PDB file of all heavy atoms in Angstrom:
ATOM      1  N   ARG A   1      87.074  95.878  80.959  1.00  0.00           N
ATOM      2  CA  ARG A   1      87.470  95.892  79.543  1.00  0.00           C
ATOM      3  C   ARG A   1      87.899  97.280  79.121  1.00  0.00           C
ATOM      4  O   ARG A   1      87.191  98.254  79.325  1.00  0.00           O
ATOM      5  CB  ARG A   1      86.325  95.424  78.712  1.00  0.00           C
ATOM      6  CG  ARG A   1      85.806  94.030  79.020  1.00  0.00           C
ATOM      7  CD  ARG A   1      86.837  92.942  78.754  1.00  0.00           C
ATOM      8  NE  ARG A   1      86.332  91.654  79.075  1.00  0.00           N
ATOM      9  CZ  ARG A   1      86.991  90.525  78.901  1.00  0.00           C
ATOM     10  NH1 ARG A   1      88.190  90.569  78.385  1.00  0.00           N
ATOM     11  NH2 ARG A   1      86.485  89.349  79.283  1.00  0.00           N
ATOM     12  N   ARG A   2      89.082  97.352  78.575  1.00  0.00           N
ATOM     13  CA  ARG A   2      89.560  98.607  78.028  1.00  0.00           C
ATOM     14  C   ARG A   2      90.219  98.341  76.671  1.00  0.00           C
ATOM     15  O   ARG A   2      90.363  97.206  76.259  1.00  0.00           O
ATOM     16  CB  ARG A   2      90.593  99.235  78.947  1.00  0.00           C
ATOM     17  CG  ARG A   2      90.109  99.668  80.333  1.00  0.00           C
ATOM     18  CD  ARG A   2      91.201 100.501  81.020  1.00  0.00           C
ATOM     19  NE  ARG A   2      90.834 100.740  82.377  1.00  0.00           N
ATOM     20  CZ  ARG A   2      91.171 100.026  83.424  1.00  0.00           C
ATOM     21  NH1 ARG A   2      91.790  98.873  83.212  1.00  0.00           N
ATOM     22  NH2 ARG A   2      90.811 100.362  84.643  1.00  0.00           N
ATOM     23  N   LYS A   3      90.647  99.393  76.128  1.00  0.00           N
ATOM     24  CA  LYS A   3      91.341  99.247  74.888  1.00  0.00           C
ATOM     25  C   LYS A   3      92.696  98.537  75.172  1.00  0.00           C
ATOM     26  O   LYS A   3      93.411  98.861  76.132  1.00  0.00           O
ATOM     27  CB  LYS A   3      91.650 100.622  74.296  1.00  0.00           C
ATOM     28  CG  LYS A   3      92.351 100.582  72.960  1.00  0.00           C
ATOM     29  CD  LYS A   3      92.625 101.977  72.393  1.00  0.00           C
ATOM     30  CE  LYS A   3      93.399 101.933  71.099  1.00  0.00           C
ATOM     31  NZ  LYS A   3      93.600 103.267  70.554  1.00  0.00           N
ATOM     32  N   ARG A   4      92.994  97.576  74.355  1.00  0.00           N
ATOM     33  CA  ARG A   4      94.171  96.735  74.581  1.00  0.00           C
ATOM     34  C   ARG A   4      95.444  97.562  74.403  1.00  0.00           C
ATOM     35  O   ARG A   4      95.602  98.284  73.470  1.00  0.00           O
ATOM     36  CB  ARG A   4      94.168  95.551  73.652  1.00  0.00           C
ATOM     37  CG  ARG A   4      95.374  94.628  73.766  1.00  0.00           C
ATOM     38  CD  ARG A   4      95.407  93.975  75.086  1.00  0.00           C
ATOM     39  NE  ARG A   4      96.487  93.014  75.206  1.00  0.00           N
ATOM     40  CZ  ARG A   4      96.890  92.518  76.344  1.00  0.00           C
ATOM     41  NH1 ARG A   4      96.238  92.800  77.436  1.00  0.00           N
ATOM     42  NH2 ARG A   4      97.926  91.700  76.361  1.00  0.00           N
ATOM     43  N   ARG A   5      96.355  97.475  75.404  1.00  0.00           N
ATOM     44  CA  ARG A   5      97.660  98.072  75.306  1.00  0.00           C
ATOM     45  C   ARG A   5      98.647  97.112  75.921  1.00  0.00           C
ATOM     46  O   ARG A   5      98.336  96.165  76.506  1.00  0.00           O
ATOM     47  CB  ARG A   5      97.708  99.405  76.009  1.00  0.00           C
ATOM     48  CG  ARG A   5      97.401  99.305  77.490  1.00  0.00           C
ATOM     49  CD  ARG A   5      97.778 100.565  78.245  1.00  0.00           C
ATOM     50  NE  ARG A   5      97.429 100.509  79.654  1.00  0.00           N
ATOM     51  CZ  ARG A   5      98.095  99.805  80.559  1.00  0.00           C
ATOM     52  NH1 ARG A   5      99.198  99.137  80.169  1.00  0.00           N
ATOM     53  NH2 ARG A   5      97.772  99.783  81.809  1.00  0.00           N
ATOM     54  N   ARG A   6      99.905  97.445  75.752  1.00  0.00           N
ATOM     55  CA  ARG A   6     100.951  96.612  76.330  1.00  0.00           C
ATOM     56  C   ARG A   6     100.899  96.788  77.822  1.00  0.00           C
ATOM     57  O   ARG A   6     100.876  97.881  78.342  1.00  0.00           O
ATOM     58  CB  ARG A   6     102.342  96.993  75.761  1.00  0.00           C
ATOM     59  CG  ARG A   6     102.483  96.610  74.310  1.00  0.00           C
ATOM     60  CD  ARG A   6     103.896  96.978  73.842  1.00  0.00           C
ATOM     61  NE  ARG A   6     104.117  96.591  72.462  1.00  0.00           N
ATOM     62  CZ  ARG A   6     105.252  96.741  71.807  1.00  0.00           C
ATOM     63  NH1 ARG A   6     106.315  97.284  72.455  1.00  0.00           N
ATOM     64  NH2 ARG A   6     105.376  96.389  70.551  1.00  0.00           N
ATOM     65  N   PRO A   7     101.025  95.655  78.563  1.00  0.00           N
ATOM     66  CA  PRO A   7     100.954  95.757  80.061  1.00  0.00           C
ATOM     67  C   PRO A   7     102.287  96.319  80.600  1.00  0.00           C
ATOM     68  O   PRO A   7     103.356  96.202  79.972  1.00  0.00           O
ATOM     69  CB  PRO A   7     100.799  94.307  80.487  1.00  0.00           C
ATOM     70  CG  PRO A   7     101.365  93.479  79.412  1.00  0.00           C
ATOM     71  CD  PRO A   7     101.073  94.267  78.127  1.00  0.00           C
ATOM     72  N   ARG A   8     102.178  96.948  81.715  1.00  0.00           N
ATOM     73  CA  ARG A   8     103.355  97.393  82.428  1.00  0.00           C
ATOM     74  C   ARG A   8     103.651  96.411  83.576  1.00  0.00           C
ATOM     75  O   ARG A   8     102.809  95.636  83.980  1.00  0.00           O
ATOM     76  CB  ARG A   8     103.103  98.811  83.071  1.00  0.00           C
ATOM     77  CG  ARG A   8     103.027  99.864  81.980  1.00  0.00           C
ATOM     78  CD  ARG A   8     103.085 101.252  82.639  1.00  0.00           C
ATOM     79  NE  ARG A   8     101.849 101.510  83.363  1.00  0.00           N
ATOM     80  CZ  ARG A   8     100.826 102.202  82.863  1.00  0.00           C
ATOM     81  NH1 ARG A   8     100.882 102.649  81.603  1.00  0.00           N
ATOM     82  NH2 ARG A   8      99.731 102.432  83.574  1.00  0.00           N
ATOM     83  N   ARG A   9     104.901  96.472  84.046  1.00  0.00           N
ATOM     84  CA  ARG A   9     105.265  95.539  85.114  1.00  0.00           C
ATOM     85  C   ARG A   9     104.332  95.717  86.312  1.00  0.00           C
ATOM     86  O   ARG A   9     104.009  96.843  86.721  1.00  0.00           O
ATOM     87  CB  ARG A   9     106.720  95.826  85.576  1.00  0.00           C
ATOM     88  CG  ARG A   9     107.737  95.397  84.543  1.00  0.00           C
ATOM     89  CD  ARG A   9     109.143  95.771  84.974  1.00  0.00           C
ATOM     90  NE  ARG A   9     109.298  97.216  85.203  1.00  0.00           N
ATOM     91  CZ  ARG A   9     110.453  97.747  85.625  1.00  0.00           C
ATOM     92  NH1 ARG A   9     111.508  97.000  85.816  1.00  0.00           N
ATOM     93  NH2 ARG A   9     110.519  99.060  85.818  1.00  0.00           N
ATOM     94  N   GLY A  10     103.897  94.580  86.887  1.00  0.00           N
ATOM     95  CA  GLY A  10     102.907  94.595  87.938  1.00  0.00           C
ATOM     96  C   GLY A  10     101.501  94.292  87.425  1.00  0.00           C
ATOM     97  O   GLY A  10     100.600  94.008  88.254  1.00  0.00           O
ATOM     98  N   GLU A  11     101.292  94.339  86.118  1.00  0.00           N
ATOM     99  CA  GLU A  11     100.055  93.970  85.529  1.00  0.00           C
ATOM    100  C   GLU A  11     100.125  92.586  84.935  1.00  0.00           C
ATOM    101  O   GLU A  11     101.163  91.933  84.988  1.00  0.00           O
ATOM    102  CB  GLU A  11      99.651  95.023  84.459  1.00  0.00           C
ATOM    103  CG  GLU A  11      99.539  96.399  85.030  1.00  0.00           C
ATOM    104  CD  GLU A  11      99.300  97.468  83.924  1.00  0.00           C
ATOM    105  OE1 GLU A  11      99.272  97.114  82.726  1.00  0.00           O
ATOM    106  OE2 GLU A  11      99.098  98.651  84.257  1.00  0.00           O
ATOM    107  N   ASP A  12      98.977  92.107  84.384  1.00  0.00           N
ATOM    108  CA  ASP A  12      98.910  90.758  83.849  1.00  0.00           C
ATOM    109  C   ASP A  12      99.554  90.688  82.448  1.00  0.00           C
ATOM    110  O   ASP A  12      99.069  91.405  81.533  1.00  0.00           O
ATOM    111  CB  ASP A  12      97.456  90.237  83.768  1.00  0.00           C
ATOM    112  CG  ASP A  12      96.974  89.838  85.123  1.00  0.00           C
ATOM    113  OD1 ASP A  12      97.754  89.283  85.895  1.00  0.00           O
ATOM    114  OD2 ASP A  12      95.764  90.063  85.433  1.00  0.00           O
ATOM    115  N   PHE A  13     100.570  89.844  82.293  1.00  0.00           N
ATOM    116  CA  PHE A  13     101.225  89.666  81.002  1.00  0.00           C
ATOM    117  C   PHE A  13     100.785  88.341  80.419  1.00  0.00           C
ATOM    118  O   PHE A  13     100.513  87.354  81.135  1.00  0.00           O
ATOM    119  CB  PHE A  13     102.730  89.589  81.186  1.00  0.00           C
ATOM    120  CG  PHE A  13     103.408  90.921  81.345  1.00  0.00           C
ATOM    121  CD1 PHE A  13     103.251  91.657  82.508  1.00  0.00           C
ATOM    122  CD2 PHE A  13     104.211  91.386  80.362  1.00  0.00           C
ATOM    123  CE1 PHE A  13     103.895  92.872  82.646  1.00  0.00           C
ATOM    124  CE2 PHE A  13     104.897  92.621  80.496  1.00  0.00           C
ATOM    125  CZ  PHE A  13     104.725  93.337  81.702  1.00  0.00           C
ATOM    126  N   ASN A  14     100.664  88.289  79.137  1.00  0.00           N
ATOM    127  CA  ASN A  14     100.647  86.976  78.425  1.00  0.00           C
ATOM    128  C   ASN A  14     102.033  86.429  78.439  1.00  0.00           C
ATOM    129  O   ASN A  14     103.033  87.166  78.649  1.00  0.00           O
ATOM    130  CB  ASN A  14     100.133  87.155  76.957  1.00  0.00           C
ATOM    131  CG  ASN A  14      98.687  87.551  76.915  1.00  0.00           C
ATOM    132  OD1 ASN A  14      97.866  87.145  77.774  1.00  0.00           O
ATOM    133  ND2 ASN A  14      98.328  88.327  75.904  1.00  0.00           N
ATOM    134  N   PHE A  15     102.111  85.117  78.206  1.00  0.00           N
ATOM    135  CA  PHE A  15     103.426  84.450  78.279  1.00  0.00           C
ATOM    136  C   PHE A  15     104.405  85.037  77.216  1.00  0.00           C
ATOM    137  O   PHE A  15     105.539  85.312  77.516  1.00  0.00           O
ATOM    138  CB  PHE A  15     103.270  82.970  78.086  1.00  0.00           C
ATOM    139  CG  PHE A  15     104.576  82.225  78.156  1.00  0.00           C
ATOM    140  CD1 PHE A  15     105.323  82.190  79.355  1.00  0.00           C
ATOM    141  CD2 PHE A  15     105.027  81.450  77.089  1.00  0.00           C
ATOM    142  CE1 PHE A  15     106.490  81.511  79.439  1.00  0.00           C
ATOM    143  CE2 PHE A  15     106.196  80.754  77.171  1.00  0.00           C
ATOM    144  CZ  PHE A  15     106.927  80.761  78.378  1.00  0.00           C
ATOM    145  N   THR A  16     103.932  85.260  76.033  1.00  0.00           N
ATOM    146  CA  THR A  16     104.772  85.789  74.972  1.00  0.00           C
ATOM    147  C   THR A  16     105.211  87.175  75.265  1.00  0.00           C
ATOM    148  O   THR A  16     106.296  87.660  74.895  1.00  0.00           O
ATOM    149  CB  THR A  16     104.057  85.729  73.605  1.00  0.00           C
ATOM    150  OG1 THR A  16     102.799  86.377  73.697  1.00  0.00           O
ATOM    151  CG2 THR A  16     103.846  84.296  73.169  1.00  0.00           C
ATOM    152  N   GLU A  17     104.345  87.972  75.958  1.00  0.00           N
ATOM    153  CA  GLU A  17     104.690  89.340  76.308  1.00  0.00           C
ATOM    154  C   GLU A  17     105.798  89.331  77.412  1.00  0.00           C
ATOM    155  O   GLU A  17     106.687  90.171  77.435  1.00  0.00           O
ATOM    156  CB  GLU A  17     103.472  90.117  76.846  1.00  0.00           C
ATOM    157  CG  GLU A  17     102.436  90.375  75.758  1.00  0.00           C
ATOM    158  CD  GLU A  17     101.135  90.912  76.314  1.00  0.00           C
ATOM    159  OE1 GLU A  17     100.835  90.638  77.524  1.00  0.00           O
ATOM    160  OE2 GLU A  17     100.403  91.566  75.577  1.00  0.00           O
ATOM    161  N   ALA A  18     105.766  88.382  78.330  1.00  0.00           N
ATOM    162  CA  ALA A  18     106.738  88.289  79.372  1.00  0.00           C
ATOM    163  C   ALA A  18     108.080  87.857  78.769  1.00  0.00           C
ATOM    164  O   ALA A  18     109.134  88.268  79.307  1.00  0.00           O
ATOM    165  CB  ALA A  18     106.281  87.295  80.446  1.00  0.00           C
ATOM    166  N   LEU A  19     108.069  87.018  77.743  1.00  0.00           N
ATOM    167  CA  LEU A  19     109.331  86.471  77.185  1.00  0.00           C
ATOM    168  C   LEU A  19     110.226  87.567  76.583  1.00  0.00           C
ATOM    169  O   LEU A  19     111.455  87.341  76.457  1.00  0.00           O
ATOM    170  CB  LEU A  19     109.017  85.445  76.112  1.00  0.00           C
ATOM    171  CG  LEU A  19     108.536  84.074  76.594  1.00  0.00           C
ATOM    172  CD1 LEU A  19     108.288  83.141  75.451  1.00  0.00           C
ATOM    173  CD2 LEU A  19     109.617  83.424  77.515  1.00  0.00           C
ATOM    174  N   VAL A  20     109.670  88.685  76.223  1.00  0.00           N
ATOM    175  CA  VAL A  20     110.489  89.740  75.637  1.00  0.00           C
ATOM    176  C   VAL A  20     110.932  90.779  76.664  1.00  0.00           C
ATOM    177  O   VAL A  20     111.558  91.790  76.330  1.00  0.00           O
ATOM    178  CB  VAL A  20     109.729  90.446  74.480  1.00  0.00           C
ATOM    179  CG1 VAL A  20     109.400  89.429  73.380  1.00  0.00           C
ATOM    180  CG2 VAL A  20     108.461  91.112  75.003  1.00  0.00           C
ATOM    181  N   LYS A  21     110.627  90.534  77.942  1.00  0.00           N
ATOM    182  CA  LYS A  21     111.028  91.433  78.988  1.00  0.00           C
ATOM    183  C   LYS A  21     112.363  91.020  79.635  1.00  0.00           C
ATOM    184  O   LYS A  21     112.574  89.881  79.992  1.00  0.00           O
ATOM    185  CB  LYS A  21     109.926  91.531  80.093  1.00  0.00           C
ATOM    186  CG  LYS A  21     108.630  92.112  79.586  1.00  0.00           C
ATOM    187  CD  LYS A  21     108.851  93.567  79.195  1.00  0.00           C
ATOM    188  CE  LYS A  21     107.562  94.215  78.735  1.00  0.00           C
ATOM    189  NZ  LYS A  21     107.782  95.672  78.338  1.00  0.00           N
ATOM    190  N   ALA A  22     113.234  91.983  79.791  1.00  0.00           N
ATOM    191  CA  ALA A  22     114.535  91.708  80.432  1.00  0.00           C
ATOM    192  C   ALA A  22     114.396  91.188  81.877  1.00  0.00           C
ATOM    193  O   ALA A  22     115.157  90.334  82.325  1.00  0.00           O
ATOM    194  CB  ALA A  22     115.392  92.940  80.414  1.00  0.00           C
ATOM    195  N   ASP A  23     113.370  91.718  82.613  1.00  0.00           N
ATOM    196  CA  ASP A  23     113.186  91.300  83.971  1.00  0.00           C
ATOM    197  C   ASP A  23     112.859  89.803  84.062  1.00  0.00           C
ATOM    198  O   ASP A  23     113.266  89.128  85.002  1.00  0.00           O
ATOM    199  CB  ASP A  23     112.021  92.069  84.618  1.00  0.00           C
ATOM    200  CG  ASP A  23     112.352  93.536  84.775  1.00  0.00           C
ATOM    201  OD1 ASP A  23     113.566  93.880  84.777  1.00  0.00           O
ATOM    202  OD2 ASP A  23     111.444  94.369  84.886  1.00  0.00           O
ATOM    203  N   PHE A  24     112.110  89.281  83.081  1.00  0.00           N
ATOM    204  CA  PHE A  24     111.758  87.875  83.098  1.00  0.00           C
ATOM    205  C   PHE A  24     113.033  87.045  82.986  1.00  0.00           C
ATOM    206  O   PHE A  24     113.205  86.039  83.747  1.00  0.00           O
ATOM    207  CB  PHE A  24     110.785  87.560  81.937  1.00  0.00           C
ATOM    208  CG  PHE A  24     110.312  86.126  81.865  1.00  0.00           C
ATOM    209  CD1 PHE A  24     109.232  85.745  82.634  1.00  0.00           C
ATOM    210  CD2 PHE A  24     110.981  85.198  81.121  1.00  0.00           C
ATOM    211  CE1 PHE A  24     108.772  84.474  82.598  1.00  0.00           C
ATOM    212  CE2 PHE A  24     110.558  83.870  81.075  1.00  0.00           C
ATOM    213  CZ  PHE A  24     109.398  83.521  81.819  1.00  0.00           C
TER     214      PHE A  24
END
C-alpha cells in the first residue's frame, strides 16, 4: 500500500485509466 498515484506503463491500470492512454 502506498499513496495513490497515476500508474506508469508496465504497472496495474484501472480500465478507465487505460482508456485515456494512446498505447491502449
